[in-house]
Amino acid sequence: MSVPRPIVDASALSNVRDIVRAAGDHDLDRLQRLLDSSHFEGCKPVDVQEPEHGYTPLHAAIASCRSDGATDGILEDNESKAYETVKLLFENGAIWNQLDRNDETPGCIAHRLGLISLYQLMVDAGVRAELLLNRLDGYEELEDLDDEDEDDAAEPDSHDESDTEAPELVVTTAEGETSSVQQGLLEASTEDVDSKAYLSSALSFDDEMLLDESQNGVMMKWESDIMARSADLLLSRPGLKILNIGFGMGIIDTHIQSHMNKPAEHHTVEAHPDVLRDLKSKGWQDKPNVFIHEGKWQDVLPELVAEGQTFDAIYYDTFAESYHDFKEFFSEQLIGLLDQGGNWSYFNGMGADRQISYDVYQKIVEIDLMEAGFDVEWTDFDLPNLGAAWTGVKRKYWNVEQYRLPVCKFMD
């Protein structure tokens, strides 16, 4: 996400304030004239940010729907005017998720003020932007592969790319950075942590949480209710064969073992050596009908497929992996592992540091799941206040009041 950047030129600053004010006044004619006639170095007029609050025109259009600065005095006629203003800004190429100085996107303001129509407009814009970025990233990968093949054919030992003429497909903000939710669906789902670094890091365990060596929360006890409800929906009858990908603290595995619908087989995939040592010290490998598969799921799952293993229920909960990893799991690996009529689920924590990110992710995942041949049903439930749970944790990765529990199955 972009952060407010100061504009020091006096005339430019006056122009910025005029644009933001016109958006806040919902003056469409004046706003369009200003957008057409204004020019800023390295920044589109529709994405300027005034320095005091860091408001973009989108922020201003939505924030002005409150009366006298209060958060409970919404003016209904202003909401309809703001809707048209926001549409105009998007038609001019506005970035949907820039942050103001209060660390809010325009959609965050709409959600806080209860402006449902404006909030949905922002969510839809986020989905469109993320789908575009996802597709462009796929094109870039294919293009890179083509370039490598051509280079290898011409000069097998050469790594010189100076003669490559294929254009690069990149979407950037005015700051020259990719615009997306938390750096979007194209980046790792956990900030500043990648899979390789995580697997080589030393973990710390206690009864409340599992942390990596940077004090990032890998798994926490407050997730127990989520895991219990997930196990209930997956274990619909006794005697099923279930696979869990990512042991962590063993929360869902414990619920599976104690469930009234006892599974016939309980398989778990885990890659981190510290977690493997911990689960072995607790005797998990000696439990009846429990099978521990050591290694990354990218290596283990193809082996299970080659062995002809299939499962009635599958749960996916990994750490420090990207959305692309998750998409590879359900679009490529899962098809050979899940029985027809079986169910699968995953820990749905993508974008959970703010509501609009969470809602955008749900729609993106729904679209990608449908393309991969899966239906998904959601069960929403409230979570308790987690304020005290973050003591000693570097990053608060959950800031949403409700959890959306997904259960997926093959389309009929």
Protein backbone atom coordinates (compact mmCIF):
# COMPACT_ATOMS: atom_id res chain seq x y z
CA MET A 1 0.00 0.00 0.00
CA SER A 2 1.12 3.55 -0.65
CA VAL A 3 1.84 5.93 2.20
CA PRO A 4 1.29 9.69 2.13
CA ARG A 5 4.21 11.55 0.62
CA PRO A 6 4.69 15.29 1.13
CA ILE A 7 4.34 17.76 -1.70
CA VAL A 8 6.61 20.72 -1.05
CA ASP A 9 5.84 23.01 -3.98
CA ALA A 10 3.28 25.62 -2.83
CA SER A 11 1.34 25.76 -6.09
CA ALA A 12 1.29 21.98 -6.32
CA LEU A 13 0.08 21.73 -2.73
CA SER A 14 -2.75 24.16 -3.47
CA ASN A 15 -3.70 22.10 -6.50
CA VAL A 16 -3.71 18.89 -4.43
CA ARG A 17 -5.98 20.47 -1.83
CA ASP A 18 -8.34 21.65 -4.58
CA ILE A 19 -8.64 18.11 -5.94
CA VAL A 20 -9.19 16.55 -2.52
CA ARG A 21 -11.69 19.27 -1.58
CA ALA A 22 -13.65 18.79 -4.81
CA ALA A 23 -13.85 15.05 -4.06
CA GLY A 24 -15.01 15.75 -0.51
CA ASP A 25 -17.64 18.19 -1.80
CA HIS A 26 -18.79 15.58 -4.38
CA ASP A 27 -18.49 18.26 -7.04
CA LEU A 28 -18.16 15.98 -10.06
CA ASP A 29 -17.75 18.63 -12.72
CA ARG A 30 -15.05 20.54 -10.86
CA LEU A 31 -13.33 17.31 -9.85
CA GLN A 32 -13.15 16.06 -13.43
CA ARG A 33 -11.81 19.40 -14.67
CA LEU A 34 -9.10 19.36 -12.03
CA LEU A 35 -8.15 15.76 -12.81
CA ASP A 36 -7.90 16.58 -16.50
CA SER A 37 -5.87 19.77 -16.08
CA SER A 38 -3.52 18.82 -13.23
CA HIS A 39 -0.07 17.30 -13.61
CA PHE A 40 2.29 16.03 -10.90
CA GLU A 41 5.68 14.46 -11.29
CA GLY A 42 5.50 10.73 -10.62
CA CYS A 43 1.89 10.74 -9.44
CA LYS A 44 -1.50 10.70 -11.11
CA PRO A 45 -3.82 13.56 -10.04
CA VAL A 46 -6.44 11.03 -8.95
CA ASP A 47 -4.03 9.54 -6.39
CA VAL A 48 -2.60 12.68 -4.74
CA GLN A 49 -2.60 12.84 -0.94
CA GLU A 50 -2.93 16.02 1.06
CA PRO A 51 -0.28 16.16 3.82
CA GLU A 52 -2.41 16.86 6.91
CA HIS A 53 -4.49 13.66 7.00
CA GLY A 54 -2.96 11.82 4.07
CA TYR A 55 -6.36 11.78 2.38
CA THR A 56 -6.59 10.85 -1.27
CA PRO A 57 -9.66 11.98 -3.23
CA LEU A 58 -11.18 8.57 -2.43
CA HIS A 59 -10.63 9.07 1.31
CA ALA A 60 -12.15 12.54 1.14
CA ALA A 61 -15.20 11.46 -0.88
CA ILE A 62 -16.06 8.82 1.73
CA ALA A 63 -15.02 10.63 4.92
CA SER A 64 -17.19 13.64 4.04
CA CYS A 65 -20.32 11.50 4.49
CA ARG A 66 -20.26 12.17 8.23
CA SER A 67 -21.87 15.21 9.83
CA ASP A 68 -19.82 17.73 11.81
CA GLY A 69 -16.89 15.36 11.96
CA ALA A 70 -18.84 12.79 14.01
CA THR A 71 -18.78 9.10 13.12
CA ASP A 72 -22.49 8.56 13.83
CA GLY A 73 -24.05 11.42 11.87
CA ILE A 74 -24.17 9.89 8.39
CA LEU A 75 -25.94 11.96 5.77
CA GLU A 76 -27.88 9.66 3.43
CA ASP A 77 -27.91 12.06 0.49
CA ASN A 78 -24.14 12.43 0.86
CA GLU A 79 -23.71 8.68 0.58
CA SER A 80 -25.39 8.58 -2.83
CA LYS A 81 -23.32 11.57 -3.98
CA ALA A 82 -20.19 9.95 -2.64
CA TYR A 83 -21.04 6.77 -4.56
CA GLU A 84 -21.02 8.68 -7.84
CA THR A 85 -17.83 10.48 -6.85
CA VAL A 86 -16.06 7.24 -6.03
CA LYS A 87 -17.18 5.75 -9.35
CA LEU A 88 -15.76 8.80 -11.16
CA LEU A 89 -12.44 8.44 -9.35
CA PHE A 90 -12.18 4.78 -10.29
CA GLU A 91 -12.99 5.64 -13.91
CA ASN A 92 -9.96 7.93 -13.76
CA GLY A 93 -7.72 5.14 -12.44
CA ALA A 94 -7.74 5.71 -8.67
CA ILE A 95 -5.79 3.25 -6.50
CA TRP A 96 -8.27 1.63 -4.13
CA ASN A 97 -6.08 0.85 -1.10
CA GLN A 98 -3.79 3.78 -0.36
CA LEU A 99 -3.28 4.45 3.35
CA ASP A 100 -3.91 7.76 5.08
CA ARG A 101 -2.02 8.93 8.17
CA ASN A 102 -4.47 7.01 10.36
CA ASP A 103 -3.44 3.76 8.61
CA GLU A 104 -6.84 3.50 6.94
CA THR A 105 -7.75 2.78 3.35
CA PRO A 106 -10.84 4.49 1.90
CA GLY A 107 -12.65 1.18 2.38
CA CYS A 108 -11.66 1.12 6.06
CA ILE A 109 -13.34 4.51 6.51
CA ALA A 110 -16.47 3.30 4.73
CA HIS A 111 -16.61 0.23 6.98
CA ARG A 112 -16.06 2.27 10.15
CA LEU A 113 -18.84 4.68 9.19
CA GLY A 114 -21.25 1.91 8.22
CA LEU A 115 -21.50 3.06 4.60
CA ILE A 116 -22.46 -0.30 3.12
CA SER A 117 -22.84 0.71 -0.52
CA LEU A 118 -19.51 2.57 -0.53
CA TYR A 119 -17.77 -0.27 1.29
CA GLN A 120 -18.99 -2.79 -1.27
CA LEU A 121 -17.83 -0.50 -4.07
CA MET A 122 -14.35 -0.47 -2.53
CA VAL A 123 -14.32 -4.26 -2.08
CA ASP A 124 -15.32 -4.78 -5.72
CA ALA A 125 -12.56 -2.42 -6.84
CA GLY A 126 -10.06 -4.35 -4.74
CA VAL A 127 -11.14 -7.63 -6.29
CA ARG A 128 -10.78 -6.26 -9.81
CA ALA A 129 -7.32 -4.87 -9.07
CA GLU A 130 -6.08 -8.05 -7.42
CA LEU A 131 -7.43 -10.28 -10.19
CA LEU A 132 -5.61 -8.13 -12.74
CA LEU A 133 -2.36 -8.25 -10.79
CA ASN A 134 -2.70 -12.00 -10.35
CA ARG A 135 -3.21 -12.51 -14.08
CA LEU A 136 -0.34 -10.18 -15.01
CA ASP A 137 1.95 -12.01 -12.62
CA GLY A 138 1.05 -15.25 -14.38
CA TYR A 139 1.87 -13.70 -17.75
CA GLU A 140 5.23 -12.52 -16.41
CA GLU A 141 6.06 -16.04 -15.21
CA LEU A 142 5.23 -17.51 -18.61
CA GLU A 143 7.24 -14.80 -20.31
CA ASP A 144 10.24 -15.49 -18.08
CA LEU A 145 10.04 -19.17 -18.89
CA ASP A 146 9.92 -18.40 -22.62
CA ASP A 147 12.94 -16.13 -22.30
CA GLU A 148 14.87 -18.81 -20.42
CA ASP A 149 14.04 -21.43 -23.03
CA GLU A 150 15.19 -19.15 -25.84
CA ASP A 151 18.41 -18.26 -24.04
CA ASP A 152 19.14 -21.89 -23.26
CA ALA A 153 18.59 -22.91 -26.87
CA ALA A 154 20.94 -20.23 -28.19
CA GLU A 155 23.62 -20.30 -25.49
CA PRO A 156 23.22 -23.05 -22.87
CA ASP A 157 25.81 -21.57 -20.49
CA SER A 158 24.91 -17.91 -20.89
CA HIS A 159 23.04 -15.91 -18.21
CA ASP A 160 23.21 -12.61 -20.12
CA GLU A 161 19.70 -11.19 -20.62
CA SER A 162 20.78 -7.99 -22.36
CA ASP A 163 19.37 -9.13 -25.71
CA THR A 164 15.92 -9.98 -24.37
CA GLU A 165 13.38 -7.71 -26.11
CA ALA A 166 10.07 -9.04 -24.76
CA PRO A 167 8.17 -6.31 -22.88
CA GLU A 168 7.64 -6.61 -19.16
CA LEU A 169 4.07 -6.54 -17.87
CA VAL A 170 4.09 -4.64 -14.58
CA VAL A 171 1.43 -2.71 -12.69
CA THR A 172 2.85 -0.01 -10.42
CA THR A 173 1.65 2.79 -8.20
CA ALA A 174 2.89 6.35 -8.38
CA GLU A 175 5.61 5.27 -5.95
CA GLY A 176 6.78 2.59 -8.38
CA GLU A 177 5.60 -0.27 -6.16
CA THR A 178 3.02 -2.96 -6.80
CA SER A 179 -0.39 -1.87 -5.53
CA SER A 180 -2.24 -4.63 -3.68
CA VAL A 181 -3.54 -5.80 -0.33
CA GLN A 182 -0.55 -6.25 2.03
CA GLN A 183 1.53 -6.34 -1.18
CA GLY A 184 -1.33 -8.45 -2.47
CA LEU A 185 -1.99 -12.00 -3.38
CA LEU A 186 1.35 -12.04 -5.15
CA GLU A 187 3.46 -11.90 -1.98
CA ALA A 188 3.99 -14.14 1.02
CA SER A 189 0.98 -14.34 3.31
CA THR A 190 3.16 -13.52 6.33
CA GLU A 191 5.03 -10.21 6.22
CA ASP A 192 8.83 -10.35 6.20
CA VAL A 193 8.88 -14.15 6.50
CA ASP A 194 9.41 -16.64 3.71
CA SER A 195 9.22 -20.41 3.80
CA LYS A 196 12.96 -21.04 3.59
CA ALA A 197 13.73 -18.60 6.41
CA TYR A 198 10.95 -20.01 8.56
CA LEU A 199 12.03 -23.64 8.16
CA SER A 200 15.58 -22.73 9.19
CA SER A 201 14.51 -20.59 12.16
CA ALA A 202 14.43 -21.71 15.79
CA LEU A 203 10.91 -21.92 17.23
CA SER A 204 9.73 -21.27 20.77
CA PHE A 205 6.80 -23.18 22.28
CA ASP A 206 4.53 -22.65 25.25
CA ASP A 207 0.90 -23.46 26.06
CA GLU A 208 -0.37 -20.21 24.50
CA MET A 209 1.59 -19.80 21.27
CA LEU A 210 4.21 -21.00 18.84
CA LEU A 211 6.63 -18.27 17.70
CA ASP A 212 9.47 -18.14 15.21
CA GLU A 213 12.79 -16.59 16.20
CA SER A 214 11.57 -13.14 15.09
CA GLN A 215 8.58 -13.44 17.46
CA ASN A 216 6.09 -13.85 14.63
CA GLY A 217 3.07 -15.88 15.66
CA VAL A 218 3.09 -19.24 13.84
CA MET A 219 0.08 -20.59 15.73
CA MET A 220 -1.76 -19.41 18.85
CA LYS A 221 -4.09 -21.01 21.37
CA TRP A 222 -6.94 -18.59 20.58
CA GLU A 223 -7.35 -20.43 17.25
CA SER A 224 -8.62 -23.52 19.11
CA ASP A 225 -12.32 -22.78 18.60
CA ILE A 226 -11.71 -22.29 14.88
CA MET A 227 -9.96 -25.66 14.69
CA ALA A 228 -12.67 -27.41 16.71
CA ARG A 229 -15.42 -26.11 14.43
CA SER A 230 -13.36 -27.03 11.37
CA ALA A 231 -12.92 -30.59 12.64
CA ASP A 232 -16.67 -30.84 13.32
CA LEU A 233 -17.52 -29.91 9.74
CA LEU A 234 -14.87 -32.16 8.20
CA LEU A 235 -15.54 -35.26 10.33
CA SER A 236 -19.19 -35.68 9.41
CA ARG A 237 -19.24 -39.42 10.26
CA PRO A 238 -16.97 -42.02 11.88
CA GLY A 239 -14.35 -43.96 9.96
CA LEU A 240 -13.12 -41.25 7.61
CA LYS A 241 -9.55 -40.87 6.40
CA ILE A 242 -8.27 -37.35 7.09
CA LEU A 243 -5.11 -35.44 6.14
CA ASN A 244 -3.85 -32.32 7.94
CA ILE A 245 -1.15 -30.20 6.27
CA GLY A 246 0.78 -28.24 8.91
CA PHE A 247 0.94 -29.58 12.49
CA GLY A 248 2.19 -26.48 14.36
CA MET A 249 0.90 -26.73 17.93
CA GLY A 250 -1.21 -29.74 16.99
CA ILE A 251 -4.47 -27.95 17.79
CA ILE A 252 -6.62 -29.37 15.00
CA ASP A 253 -4.86 -32.73 15.26
CA THR A 254 -5.86 -32.89 18.94
CA HIS A 255 -9.48 -32.11 18.02
CA ILE A 256 -9.39 -34.80 15.33
CA GLN A 257 -8.10 -37.38 17.80
CA SER A 258 -10.72 -36.54 20.44
CA HIS A 259 -13.62 -36.16 18.02
CA MET A 260 -16.75 -38.25 18.54
CA ASN A 261 -16.50 -39.31 14.88
CA LYS A 262 -13.19 -41.08 15.26
CA PRO A 263 -11.27 -41.22 11.96
CA ALA A 264 -10.03 -44.52 10.56
CA GLU A 265 -6.73 -42.89 9.55
CA HIS A 266 -5.21 -39.56 10.60
CA HIS A 267 -2.32 -38.30 8.44
CA THR A 268 -0.29 -35.16 9.15
CA VAL A 269 2.34 -33.40 7.02
CA GLU A 270 4.92 -31.25 8.82
CA ALA A 271 8.20 -29.75 7.59
CA HIS A 272 9.75 -27.80 10.47
CA PRO A 273 12.36 -29.84 12.39
CA ASP A 274 11.52 -28.19 15.74
CA VAL A 275 7.84 -29.03 15.37
CA LEU A 276 8.71 -32.59 14.36
CA ARG A 277 10.90 -33.00 17.47
CA ASP A 278 8.12 -31.60 19.67
CA LEU A 279 5.36 -33.83 18.29
CA LYS A 280 7.61 -36.90 18.58
CA SER A 281 8.45 -36.02 22.19
CA LYS A 282 4.70 -36.08 22.85
CA GLY A 283 4.29 -39.48 21.24
CA TRP A 284 2.17 -38.53 18.24
CA GLN A 285 3.96 -41.02 16.01
CA ASP A 286 2.93 -43.85 18.39
CA LYS A 287 -0.78 -43.09 18.40
CA PRO A 288 -2.92 -45.73 16.66
CA ASN A 289 -3.84 -44.94 13.05
CA VAL A 290 -1.74 -41.72 13.09
CA PHE A 291 0.78 -41.27 10.28
CA ILE A 292 3.39 -38.48 10.33
CA HIS A 293 4.81 -37.42 6.95
CA GLU A 294 8.01 -35.40 7.35
CA GLY A 295 8.81 -32.74 4.76
CA LYS A 296 7.27 -29.90 2.77
CA TRP A 297 3.84 -30.65 1.38
CA GLN A 298 5.15 -29.81 -2.09
CA ASP A 299 7.33 -32.92 -1.80
CA VAL A 300 5.10 -35.17 0.32
CA LEU A 301 1.77 -34.82 -1.50
CA PRO A 302 3.03 -36.04 -4.91
CA GLU A 303 4.42 -39.09 -3.11
CA LEU A 304 1.02 -39.79 -1.54
CA VAL A 305 -0.64 -39.44 -4.94
CA ALA A 306 1.92 -41.84 -6.45
CA GLU A 307 1.07 -44.33 -3.71
CA GLY A 308 -2.61 -44.07 -4.58
CA GLN A 309 -3.54 -42.47 -1.25
CA THR A 310 -6.82 -40.55 -1.16
CA PHE A 311 -8.67 -38.85 1.69
CA ASP A 312 -12.25 -38.13 2.75
CA ALA A 313 -11.24 -34.87 4.47
CA ILE A 314 -8.25 -32.53 4.18
CA TYR A 315 -7.22 -29.47 6.18
CA TYR A 316 -4.56 -26.95 5.07
CA ASP A 317 -2.80 -24.59 7.50
CA THR A 318 0.76 -23.61 6.63
CA PHE A 319 2.96 -20.69 7.63
CA ALA A 320 5.09 -18.24 5.61
CA GLU A 321 3.82 -19.33 2.22
CA SER A 322 2.38 -17.27 -0.62
CA TYR A 323 -1.06 -17.27 -2.14
CA HIS A 324 0.52 -18.89 -5.19
CA ASP A 325 1.53 -21.82 -2.97
CA PHE A 326 -2.02 -22.13 -1.69
CA LYS A 327 -3.43 -21.91 -5.20
CA GLU A 328 -1.02 -24.60 -6.39
CA PHE A 329 -2.24 -26.79 -3.53
CA PHE A 330 -5.94 -26.64 -4.40
CA SER A 331 -5.65 -26.39 -8.18
CA GLU A 332 -2.96 -29.02 -8.76
CA GLN A 333 -2.25 -31.23 -5.74
CA LEU A 334 -5.67 -31.56 -4.15
CA ILE A 335 -7.39 -33.05 -7.18
CA GLY A 336 -5.45 -36.29 -6.87
CA LEU A 337 -5.86 -36.56 -3.09
CA LEU A 338 -9.50 -35.76 -2.28
CA ASP A 339 -12.11 -38.45 -2.75
CA GLN A 340 -15.19 -37.59 -4.77
CA GLY A 341 -17.73 -36.52 -2.16
CA GLY A 342 -14.96 -35.54 0.26
CA ASN A 343 -14.60 -32.15 1.97
CA TRP A 344 -11.61 -29.95 2.63
CA SER A 345 -10.95 -26.71 4.47
CA TYR A 346 -8.14 -24.31 5.37
CA PHE A 347 -7.26 -21.74 8.00
CA ASN A 348 -8.84 -18.61 6.56
CA GLY A 349 -6.52 -15.88 7.82
CA MET A 350 -5.58 -14.14 4.57
CA GLY A 351 -5.84 -10.36 4.90
CA ALA A 352 -7.20 -10.61 8.45
CA ASP A 353 -5.29 -7.55 9.67
CA ARG A 354 -8.11 -5.34 8.30
CA GLN A 355 -11.70 -6.05 7.30
CA ILE A 356 -11.54 -4.88 3.71
CA SER A 357 -8.47 -7.00 3.01
CA TYR A 358 -10.24 -10.00 4.49
CA ASP A 359 -13.34 -9.45 2.36
CA VAL A 360 -11.32 -8.94 -0.82
CA TYR A 361 -9.46 -12.19 -0.20
CA GLN A 362 -12.71 -14.13 0.21
CA LYS A 363 -13.92 -13.08 -3.21
CA ILE A 364 -10.57 -13.77 -4.86
CA VAL A 365 -10.43 -17.25 -3.34
CA GLU A 366 -14.04 -17.98 -4.34
CA ILE A 367 -13.25 -17.12 -7.95
CA ASP A 368 -10.07 -19.20 -8.02
CA LEU A 369 -11.75 -22.13 -6.28
CA MET A 370 -14.54 -22.09 -8.84
CA GLU A 371 -12.01 -22.08 -11.68
CA ALA A 372 -10.31 -25.09 -10.05
CA GLY A 373 -13.64 -26.97 -9.85
CA PHE A 374 -14.63 -26.45 -6.20
CA ASP A 375 -17.72 -25.15 -4.44
CA VAL A 376 -17.24 -23.40 -1.10
CA GLU A 377 -19.69 -22.85 1.77
CA TRP A 378 -18.93 -20.31 4.49
CA THR A 379 -19.85 -20.45 8.17
CA ASP A 380 -19.45 -17.12 9.97
CA PHE A 381 -19.02 -16.83 13.74
CA ASP A 382 -17.80 -14.21 16.20
CA LEU A 383 -14.37 -14.33 17.81
CA PRO A 384 -13.60 -13.16 21.37
CA ASN A 385 -11.62 -10.02 22.11
CA LEU A 386 -8.02 -10.98 21.38
CA GLY A 387 -6.34 -7.94 22.87
CA ALA A 388 -4.30 -9.77 25.52
CA ALA A 389 -3.40 -12.60 23.17
CA TRP A 390 -0.82 -10.49 21.31
CA THR A 391 1.47 -9.89 24.27
CA GLY A 392 4.98 -10.86 23.17
CA VAL A 393 3.98 -11.28 19.52
CA LYS A 394 5.69 -9.10 16.91
CA ARG A 395 2.76 -8.70 14.52
CA LYS A 396 -0.96 -8.69 15.19
CA TYR A 397 -2.06 -10.85 12.28
CA TRP A 398 -5.75 -10.88 13.19
CA ASN A 399 -7.90 -7.74 13.51
CA VAL A 400 -11.30 -8.92 12.28
CA GLU A 401 -14.27 -9.61 14.53
CA GLN A 402 -15.73 -12.59 12.65
CA TYR A 403 -14.14 -15.73 11.26
CA ARG A 404 -15.36 -17.12 7.94
CA LEU A 405 -14.92 -20.89 8.00
CA PRO A 406 -14.75 -22.42 4.51
CA VAL A 407 -15.74 -25.97 3.60
CA CYS A 408 -14.98 -26.92 0.00
CA LYS A 409 -15.94 -29.86 -2.19
CA PHE A 410 -15.82 -30.82 -5.83
CA MET A 411 -18.53 -29.27 -7.96
CA ASP A 412 -21.29 -31.68 -8.94
